[in-house]
C-alpha atoms as a PDB file:
ATOM      1  CA  UNK A   1      43.682 -27.808  41.756  1.00  0.00           C
ATOM      2  CA  UNK A   2      43.082 -27.708  37.823  1.00  0.00           C
ATOM      3  CA  UNK A   3      43.890 -30.694  35.694  1.00  0.00           C
ATOM      4  CA  UNK A   4      47.013 -30.763  33.729  1.00  0.00           C
ATOM      5  CA  UNK A   5      45.977 -30.819  30.016  1.00  0.00           C
ATOM      6  CA  UNK A   6      49.448 -31.068  28.415  1.00  0.00           C
ATOM      7  CA  UNK A   7      53.274 -30.922  29.384  1.00  0.00           C
ATOM      8  CA  UNK A   8      56.694 -30.713  27.737  1.00  0.00           C
ATOM      9  CA  UNK A   9      59.046 -32.556  30.168  1.00  0.00           C
ATOM     10  CA  UNK A  10      62.669 -32.132  29.707  1.00  0.00           C
ATOM     11  CA  UNK A  11      62.245 -31.818  25.844  1.00  0.00           C
ATOM     12  CA  UNK A  12      65.242 -31.381  23.589  1.00  0.00           C
ATOM     13  CA  UNK A  13      64.963 -30.944  19.762  1.00  0.00           C
ATOM     14  CA  UNK A  14      68.147 -31.568  17.812  1.00  0.00           C
ATOM     15  CA  UNK A  15      68.626 -30.090  14.273  1.00  0.00           C
ATOM     16  CA  UNK A  16      71.570 -30.756  12.004  1.00  0.00           C
ATOM     17  CA  UNK A  17      72.488 -27.240  11.278  1.00  0.00           C
ATOM     18  CA  UNK A  18      71.974 -25.348  14.592  1.00  0.00           C
ATOM     19  CA  UNK A  19      72.278 -25.781  18.300  1.00  0.00           C
ATOM     20  CA  UNK A  20      69.775 -27.836  19.828  1.00  0.00           C
ATOM     21  CA  UNK A  21      66.576 -26.473  21.593  1.00  0.00           C
ATOM     22  CA  UNK A  22      65.927 -27.336  25.209  1.00  0.00           C
ATOM     23  CA  UNK A  23      65.692 -28.886  27.610  1.00  0.00           C
ATOM     24  CA  UNK A  24      62.262 -27.301  27.827  1.00  0.00           C
ATOM     25  CA  UNK A  25      59.684 -27.879  30.467  1.00  0.00           C
ATOM     26  CA  UNK A  26      56.182 -26.473  30.352  1.00  0.00           C
ATOM     27  CA  UNK A  27      53.022 -27.526  32.184  1.00  0.00           C
ATOM     28  CA  UNK A  28      49.523 -26.471  30.997  1.00  0.00           C
ATOM     29  CA  UNK A  29      46.524 -26.704  33.232  1.00  0.00           C
ATOM     30  CA  UNK A  30      42.950 -26.680  32.229  1.00  0.00           C
ATOM     31  CA  UNK A  31      41.803 -23.013  31.657  1.00  0.00           C
ATOM     32  CA  UNK A  32      45.365 -21.724  31.440  1.00  0.00           C
ATOM     33  CA  UNK A  33      46.334 -18.861  29.107  1.00  0.00           C
ATOM     34  CA  UNK A  34      49.909 -18.673  28.453  1.00  0.00           C
ATOM     35  CA  UNK A  35      52.064 -16.550  26.138  1.00  0.00           C
ATOM     36  CA  UNK A  36      55.319 -17.700  24.723  1.00  0.00           C
ATOM     37  CA  UNK A  37      57.905 -15.077  23.870  1.00  0.00           C
ATOM     38  CA  UNK A  38      61.451 -14.963  23.015  1.00  0.00           C
ATOM     39  CA  UNK A  39      63.944 -13.959  20.376  1.00  0.00           C
ATOM     40  CA  UNK A  40      63.630 -15.413  16.727  1.00  0.00           C
ATOM     41  CA  UNK A  41      65.049 -18.873  16.814  1.00  0.00           C
ATOM     42  CA  UNK A  42      64.313 -19.584  20.412  1.00  0.00           C
ATOM     43  CA  UNK A  43      61.957 -22.501  19.838  1.00  0.00           C
ATOM     44  CA  UNK A  44      58.453 -20.808  20.401  1.00  0.00           C
ATOM     45  CA  UNK A  45      56.714 -22.365  17.222  1.00  0.00           C
ATOM     46  CA  UNK A  46      58.707 -25.712  17.752  1.00  0.00           C
ATOM     47  CA  UNK A  47      57.138 -25.832  21.249  1.00  0.00           C
ATOM     48  CA  UNK A  48      53.661 -25.509  19.622  1.00  0.00           C
ATOM     49  CA  UNK A  49      54.448 -28.119  17.200  1.00  0.00           C
ATOM     50  CA  UNK A  50      55.632 -30.495  19.911  1.00  0.00           C
ATOM     51  CA  UNK A  51      52.283 -29.888  21.962  1.00  0.00           C
ATOM     52  CA  UNK A  52      50.202 -30.523  18.698  1.00  0.00           C
ATOM     53  CA  UNK A  53      51.900 -33.765  17.856  1.00  0.00           C
ATOM     54  CA  UNK A  54      53.447 -32.253  14.662  1.00  0.00           C
ATOM     55  CA  UNK A  55      57.193 -32.853  15.660  1.00  0.00           C
ATOM     56  CA  UNK A  56      58.710 -35.412  17.906  1.00  0.00           C
ATOM     57  CA  UNK A  57      61.360 -34.523  20.469  1.00  0.00           C
ATOM     58  CA  UNK A  58      64.834 -35.906  20.282  1.00  0.00           C
ATOM     59  CA  UNK A  59      64.802 -36.194  24.041  1.00  0.00           C
ATOM     60  CA  UNK A  60      62.158 -35.773  26.818  1.00  0.00           C
ATOM     61  CA  UNK A  61      58.329 -36.422  26.798  1.00  0.00           C
ATOM     62  CA  UNK A  62      55.376 -34.704  25.434  1.00  0.00           C
ATOM     63  CA  UNK A  63      52.444 -35.376  27.793  1.00  0.00           C
ATOM     64  CA  UNK A  64      48.668 -34.771  26.904  1.00  0.00           C
ATOM     65  CA  UNK A  65      45.514 -36.124  28.511  1.00  0.00           C
ATOM     66  CA  UNK A  66      43.397 -35.486  25.574  1.00  0.00           C
ATOM     67  CA  UNK A  67      44.727 -36.744  22.369  1.00  0.00           C
ATOM     68  CA  UNK A  68      42.934 -35.435  19.364  1.00  0.00           C
ATOM     69  CA  UNK A  69      41.372 -32.422  21.407  1.00  0.00           C
ATOM     70  CA  UNK A  70      44.117 -29.973  20.073  1.00  0.00           C
ATOM     71  CA  UNK A  71      43.308 -26.975  17.880  1.00  0.00           C
ATOM     72  CA  UNK A  72      45.970 -25.005  15.919  1.00  0.00           C
ATOM     73  CA  UNK A  73      45.522 -21.411  14.521  1.00  0.00           C
ATOM     74  CA  UNK A  74      48.584 -20.477  12.374  1.00  0.00           C
ATOM     75  CA  UNK A  75      50.155 -17.461  11.241  1.00  0.00           C
ATOM     76  CA  UNK A  76      48.020 -17.322   8.068  1.00  0.00           C
ATOM     77  CA  UNK A  77      44.453 -18.206   7.938  1.00  0.00           C
ATOM     78  CA  UNK A  78      45.064 -21.207   5.592  1.00  0.00           C
ATOM     79  CA  UNK A  79      41.356 -21.212   4.481  1.00  0.00           C
ATOM     80  CA  UNK A  80      40.429 -23.263   1.306  1.00  0.00           C
ATOM     81  CA  UNK A  81      39.847 -20.546  -1.332  1.00  0.00           C
ATOM     82  CA  UNK A  82      37.164 -22.416  -3.313  1.00  0.00           C
ATOM     83  CA  UNK A  83      35.078 -22.822  -0.193  1.00  0.00           C
ATOM     84  CA  UNK A  84      32.903 -20.509   1.578  1.00  0.00           C
ATOM     85  CA  UNK A  85      33.330 -19.392   5.408  1.00  0.00           C
ATOM     86  CA  UNK A  86      30.994 -22.072   6.661  1.00  0.00           C
ATOM     87  CA  UNK A  87      32.330 -24.747   4.659  1.00  0.00           C
ATOM     88  CA  UNK A  88      35.922 -23.909   5.914  1.00  0.00           C
ATOM     89  CA  UNK A  89      34.941 -23.923   9.483  1.00  0.00           C
ATOM     90  CA  UNK A  90      32.771 -27.051   9.073  1.00  0.00           C
ATOM     91  CA  UNK A  91      35.508 -29.048   7.693  1.00  0.00           C
ATOM     92  CA  UNK A  92      37.356 -30.434  10.830  1.00  0.00           C
ATOM     93  CA  UNK A  93      33.840 -31.490  12.124  1.00  0.00           C
ATOM     94  CA  UNK A  94      33.191 -33.291   8.897  1.00  0.00           C
ATOM     95  CA  UNK A  95      36.631 -34.906   8.897  1.00  0.00           C
ATOM     96  CA  UNK A  96      35.657 -36.120  12.399  1.00  0.00           C
ATOM     97  CA  UNK A  97      32.645 -37.795  11.111  1.00  0.00           C
ATOM     98  CA  UNK A  98      29.989 -35.340  12.153  1.00  0.00           C
ATOM     99  CA  UNK A  99      26.986 -35.288   9.849  1.00  0.00           C
ATOM    100  CA  UNK A 100      27.022 -32.565   7.407  1.00  0.00           C
ATOM    101  CA  UNK A 101      23.889 -30.986   8.486  1.00  0.00           C
ATOM    102  CA  UNK A 102      25.053 -30.673  12.012  1.00  0.00           C
ATOM    103  CA  UNK A 103      28.556 -29.610  11.112  1.00  0.00           C
ATOM    104  CA  UNK A 104      27.240 -26.704   9.030  1.00  0.00           C
ATOM    105  CA  UNK A 105      24.915 -25.720  11.886  1.00  0.00           C
ATOM    106  CA  UNK A 106      27.860 -25.724  14.353  1.00  0.00           C
ATOM    107  CA  UNK A 107      30.078 -23.786  11.728  1.00  0.00           C
ATOM    108  CA  UNK A 108      27.445 -21.165  11.332  1.00  0.00           C
ATOM    109  CA  UNK A 109      27.305 -20.831  15.234  1.00  0.00           C
ATOM    110  CA  UNK A 110      30.929 -20.594  15.525  1.00  0.00           C
ATOM    111  CA  UNK A 111      31.235 -17.923  12.828  1.00  0.00           C
ATOM    112  CA  UNK A 112      28.438 -15.942  14.441  1.00  0.00           C
ATOM    113  CA  UNK A 113      30.221 -16.060  17.784  1.00  0.00           C
ATOM    114  CA  UNK A 114      33.287 -14.289  16.109  1.00  0.00           C
ATOM    115  CA  UNK A 115      31.246 -11.677  14.402  1.00  0.00           C
ATOM    116  CA  UNK A 116      30.958 -13.335  11.015  1.00  0.00           C
ATOM    117  CA  UNK A 117      27.274 -14.288  11.179  1.00  0.00           C
ATOM    118  CA  UNK A 118      26.707 -12.324   7.982  1.00  0.00           C
ATOM    119  CA  UNK A 119      29.590 -13.723   6.106  1.00  0.00           C
ATOM    120  CA  UNK A 120      28.522 -17.377   6.039  1.00  0.00           C
ATOM    121  CA  UNK A 121      28.658 -17.607   2.242  1.00  0.00           C
ATOM    122  CA  UNK A 122      31.588 -15.429   1.636  1.00  0.00           C
ATOM    123  CA  UNK A 123      34.858 -16.835   0.046  1.00  0.00           C
ATOM    124  CA  UNK A 124      38.157 -16.201   1.401  1.00  0.00           C
ATOM    125  CA  UNK A 125      39.036 -13.522  -1.188  1.00  0.00           C
ATOM    126  CA  UNK A 126      35.988 -11.521   0.029  1.00  0.00           C
ATOM    127  CA  UNK A 127      37.233 -11.380   3.542  1.00  0.00           C
ATOM    128  CA  UNK A 128      39.458  -8.661   4.968  1.00  0.00           C
ATOM    129  CA  UNK A 129      42.668  -9.968   6.746  1.00  0.00           C
ATOM    130  CA  UNK A 130      40.857  -9.571  10.161  1.00  0.00           C
ATOM    131  CA  UNK A 131      37.719 -11.460   8.975  1.00  0.00           C
ATOM    132  CA  UNK A 132      39.744 -14.276   7.434  1.00  0.00           C
ATOM    133  CA  UNK A 133      41.593 -14.909  10.796  1.00  0.00           C
ATOM    134  CA  UNK A 134      38.266 -14.588  12.595  1.00  0.00           C
ATOM    135  CA  UNK A 135      37.041 -17.541  10.317  1.00  0.00           C
ATOM    136  CA  UNK A 136      40.428 -19.441  11.126  1.00  0.00           C
ATOM    137  CA  UNK A 137      39.755 -18.868  14.798  1.00  0.00           C
ATOM    138  CA  UNK A 138      36.118 -20.101  14.462  1.00  0.00           C
ATOM    139  CA  UNK A 139      37.447 -23.078  12.686  1.00  0.00           C
ATOM    140  CA  UNK A 140      39.787 -23.758  15.642  1.00  0.00           C
ATOM    141  CA  UNK A 141      37.046 -23.319  18.322  1.00  0.00           C
ATOM    142  CA  UNK A 142      34.208 -25.247  16.585  1.00  0.00           C
ATOM    143  CA  UNK A 143      35.763 -28.571  17.748  1.00  0.00           C
ATOM    144  CA  UNK A 144      35.757 -27.373  21.313  1.00  0.00           C
ATOM    145  CA  UNK A 145      39.222 -28.243  22.109  1.00  0.00           C
ATOM    146  CA  UNK A 146      40.882 -28.685  25.343  1.00  0.00           C
ATOM    147  CA  UNK A 147      44.079 -27.162  24.132  1.00  0.00           C
ATOM    148  CA  UNK A 148      44.169 -24.241  21.618  1.00  0.00           C
ATOM    149  CA  UNK A 149      47.538 -23.282  20.134  1.00  0.00           C
ATOM    150  CA  UNK A 150      48.177 -20.149  18.400  1.00  0.00           C
ATOM    151  CA  UNK A 151      51.265 -19.144  16.329  1.00  0.00           C
ATOM    152  CA  UNK A 152      51.479 -15.338  15.950  1.00  0.00           C
ATOM    153  CA  UNK A 153      48.132 -15.231  14.384  1.00  0.00           C
ATOM    154  CA  UNK A 154      47.489 -11.573  14.690  1.00  0.00           C
ATOM    155  CA  UNK A 155      50.979 -10.372  13.659  1.00  0.00           C
ATOM    156  CA  UNK A 156      50.021  -9.044  10.174  1.00  0.00           C
ATOM    157  CA  UNK A 157      46.884  -7.184  11.358  1.00  0.00           C
ATOM    158  CA  UNK A 158      46.513  -3.641  12.503  1.00  0.00           C
ATOM    159  CA  UNK A 159      46.567  -2.684  16.235  1.00  0.00           C
ATOM    160  CA  UNK A 160      42.805  -2.094  16.647  1.00  0.00           C
ATOM    161  CA  UNK A 161      41.815  -5.496  14.711  1.00  0.00           C
ATOM    162  CA  UNK A 162      44.393  -7.250  16.939  1.00  0.00           C
ATOM    163  CA  UNK A 163      42.980  -5.834  20.209  1.00  0.00           C
ATOM    164  CA  UNK A 164      39.350  -6.993  18.971  1.00  0.00           C
ATOM    165  CA  UNK A 165      40.591 -10.398  18.074  1.00  0.00           C
ATOM    166  CA  UNK A 166      42.169 -10.904  21.562  1.00  0.00           C
ATOM    167  CA  UNK A 167      38.840  -9.701  23.185  1.00  0.00           C
ATOM    168  CA  UNK A 168      37.023 -12.389  20.960  1.00  0.00           C
ATOM    169  CA  UNK A 169      39.470 -14.989  22.052  1.00  0.00           C
ATOM    170  CA  UNK A 170      39.012 -13.970  25.801  1.00  0.00           C
ATOM    171  CA  UNK A 171      35.327 -14.078  25.531  1.00  0.00           C
ATOM    172  CA  UNK A 172      35.254 -17.538  23.665  1.00  0.00           C
ATOM    173  CA  UNK A 173      37.556 -18.835  26.433  1.00  0.00           C
ATOM    174  CA  UNK A 174      35.312 -17.406  29.153  1.00  0.00           C
ATOM    175  CA  UNK A 175      32.147 -18.770  27.745  1.00  0.00           C
ATOM    176  CA  UNK A 176      33.522 -22.453  27.551  1.00  0.00           C
ATOM    177  CA  UNK A 177      32.903 -24.911  30.286  1.00  0.00           C
ATOM    178  CA  UNK A 178      35.440 -26.433  31.081  1.00  0.00           C
ATOM    179  CA  UNK A 179      37.834 -23.695  29.681  1.00  0.00           C
ATOM    180  CA  UNK A 180      40.409 -24.688  27.284  1.00  0.00           C
ATOM    181  CA  UNK A 181      44.258 -24.268  27.758  1.00  0.00           C
ATOM    182  CA  UNK A 182      45.533 -21.719  25.486  1.00  0.00           C
ATOM    183  CA  UNK A 183      49.119 -21.198  24.340  1.00  0.00           C
ATOM    184  CA  UNK A 184      49.721 -17.989  22.196  1.00  0.00           C
ATOM    185  CA  UNK A 185      53.137 -17.339  20.456  1.00  0.00           C
ATOM    186  CA  UNK A 186      54.010 -13.476  19.987  1.00  0.00           C
ATOM    187  CA  UNK A 187      56.927 -11.160  19.582  1.00  0.00           C
ATOM    188  CA  UNK A 188      54.902  -8.344  21.109  1.00  0.00           C
ATOM    189  CA  UNK A 189      55.352  -8.030  24.857  1.00  0.00           C
ATOM    190  CA  UNK A 190      52.077  -5.668  25.287  1.00  0.00           C
ATOM    191  CA  UNK A 191      50.121  -8.161  23.337  1.00  0.00           C
ATOM    192  CA  UNK A 192      51.336 -11.168  25.656  1.00  0.00           C
ATOM    193  CA  UNK A 193      50.608  -9.169  28.793  1.00  0.00           C
ATOM    194  CA  UNK A 194      47.227  -8.204  27.690  1.00  0.00           C
ATOM    195  CA  UNK A 195      46.373 -11.670  26.372  1.00  0.00           C
ATOM    196  CA  UNK A 196      47.832 -14.004  29.013  1.00  0.00           C
ATOM    197  CA  UNK A 197      47.557 -14.998  32.583  1.00  0.00           C
ATOM    198  CA  UNK A 198      51.219 -15.729  32.503  1.00  0.00           C
ATOM    199  CA  UNK A 199      54.149 -15.356  30.035  1.00  0.00           C
ATOM    200  CA  UNK A 200      56.985 -17.622  29.431  1.00  0.00           C
ATOM    201  CA  UNK A 201      60.251 -16.372  28.174  1.00  0.00           C
ATOM    202  CA  UNK A 202      62.416 -18.565  26.149  1.00  0.00           C
ATOM    203  CA  UNK A 203      66.193 -18.066  25.653  1.00  0.00           C
ATOM    204  CA  UNK A 204      67.505 -17.014  22.360  1.00  0.00           C
ATOM    205  CA  UNK A 205      70.666 -19.332  22.865  1.00  0.00           C
ATOM    206  CA  UNK A 206      69.100 -22.554  23.687  1.00  0.00           C
ATOM    207  CA  UNK A 207      65.239 -22.406  24.055  1.00  0.00           C
ATOM    208  CA  UNK A 208      65.270 -22.897  27.682  1.00  0.00           C
ATOM    209  CA  UNK A 209      62.739 -21.058  29.891  1.00  0.00           C
ATOM    210  CA  UNK A 210      64.552 -18.167  31.471  1.00  0.00           C
ATOM    211  CA  UNK A 211      61.524 -16.464  33.309  1.00  0.00           C
ATOM    212  CA  UNK A 212      57.716 -17.219  33.838  1.00  0.00           C
ATOM    213  CA  UNK A 213      55.769 -14.263  35.026  1.00  0.00           C
ATOM    214  CA  UNK A 214      52.124 -14.048  35.827  1.00  0.00           C
ATOM    215  CA  UNK A 215      50.109 -11.073  34.561  1.00  0.00           C
ATOM    216  CA  UNK A 216      48.177  -8.856  37.117  1.00  0.00           C
ATOM    217  CA  UNK A 217      44.420  -8.660  36.680  1.00  0.00           C
ATOM    218  CA  UNK A 218      41.533 -10.756  35.742  1.00  0.00           C
ATOM    219  CA  UNK A 219      40.494 -11.985  32.110  1.00  0.00           C
ATOM    220  CA  UNK A 220      38.751 -10.938  30.184  1.00  0.00           C
ATOM    221  CA  UNK A 221      40.174  -7.476  30.657  1.00  0.00           C
ATOM    222  CA  UNK A 222      38.012  -4.497  31.735  1.00  0.00           C
ATOM    223  CA  UNK A 223      37.826  -1.807  29.151  1.00  0.00           C
ATOM    224  CA  UNK A 224      40.402   0.606  30.724  1.00  0.00           C
ATOM    225  CA  UNK A 225      42.939  -1.935  31.742  1.00  0.00           C
ATOM    226  CA  UNK A 226      45.673  -0.880  29.373  1.00  0.00           C
ATOM    227  CA  UNK A 227      45.741   2.545  31.428  1.00  0.00           C
ATOM    228  CA  UNK A 228      46.253   0.637  34.615  1.00  0.00           C
ATOM    229  CA  UNK A 229      49.698   1.209  35.893  1.00  0.00           C
ATOM    230  CA  UNK A 230      49.956  -2.409  36.802  1.00  0.00           C
ATOM    231  CA  UNK A 231      49.644  -3.080  33.026  1.00  0.00           C
ATOM    232  CA  UNK A 232      52.565  -0.569  32.065  1.00  0.00           C
ATOM    233  CA  UNK A 233      54.732  -2.116  34.798  1.00  0.00           C
ATOM    234  CA  UNK A 234      54.088  -5.569  33.602  1.00  0.00           C
ATOM    235  CA  UNK A 235      55.004  -4.705  30.075  1.00  0.00           C
ATOM    236  CA  UNK A 236      58.102  -3.041  31.025  1.00  0.00           C
ATOM    237  CA  UNK A 237      59.193  -5.786  33.070  1.00  0.00           C
ATOM    238  CA  UNK A 238      58.577  -8.313  30.527  1.00  0.00           C
ATOM    239  CA  UNK A 239      60.444  -6.188  27.971  1.00  0.00           C
ATOM    240  CA  UNK A 240      63.509  -6.282  30.154  1.00  0.00           C
ATOM    241  CA  UNK A 241      63.169 -10.075  30.708  1.00  0.00           C
ATOM    242  CA  UNK A 242      62.892 -10.339  26.764  1.00  0.00           C
ATOM    243  CA  UNK A 243      66.091  -8.266  26.318  1.00  0.00           C
ATOM    244  CA  UNK A 244      67.797 -10.432  28.764  1.00  0.00           C
ATOM    245  CA  UNK A 245      67.014 -13.472  27.002  1.00  0.00           C
ATOM    246  CA  UNK A 246      68.651 -12.229  23.752  1.00  0.00           C
ATOM    247  CA  UNK A 247      71.837 -14.210  22.605  1.00  0.00           C
ATOM    248  CA  UNK A 248      74.850 -12.058  23.469  1.00  0.00           C
ATOM    249  CA  UNK A 249      75.665 -11.593  19.937  1.00  0.00           C
ATOM    250  CA  UNK A 250      72.364  -9.879  19.062  1.00  0.00           C
ATOM    251  CA  UNK A 251      72.114  -8.026  22.340  1.00  0.00           C
END
């Protein structure tokens, strides 16, 4: 049985101007790839912030076996505009005390692994949206995290670029030993089914887990997997789960 990397146990988050989120329970084993879906306001991004230690629960517990071994990819690339791609990716290593020469070498290798080996000296303004997100992904994986959190990182990209980035993510995950746990927030049910081993649906009313479904097939996906009837069935089933999770007023 795979080691548990992190968990939310009976977590509740209270805000002054809205109903509380939770209680939320989520367990992540080593090598898990989990997609979080749910209506806006269901607490998907909150769950990521809790797992990253960026937010403290009002009730319940956040468990992690590897403090400091978590990486976060946000909705926008958040690259330093004055630094080139290699310096941006090397930053978390340098902050952790890795010598500059080693950090830059590892950053170059990470950028090459996501197809940016020819863009090491490029500034963010010289990168397309997809290239900038690849650089952000390289910056996250260069630290070899045990837990990788992604908050709708591909939402602003075209569908072809999004698919290629998911394939890159699958390849990076498959090449690591031990493999990291990944939690990916998305509003796109097809993206969730293609990306994840299982999808967790959060209620739009209170952020509780309403459904957790495994996805058929192996990861990385074969080239023709989207044409598989099992894929179509999984997408339609998840779409129905998401519709059922909508608050009554929005349904």
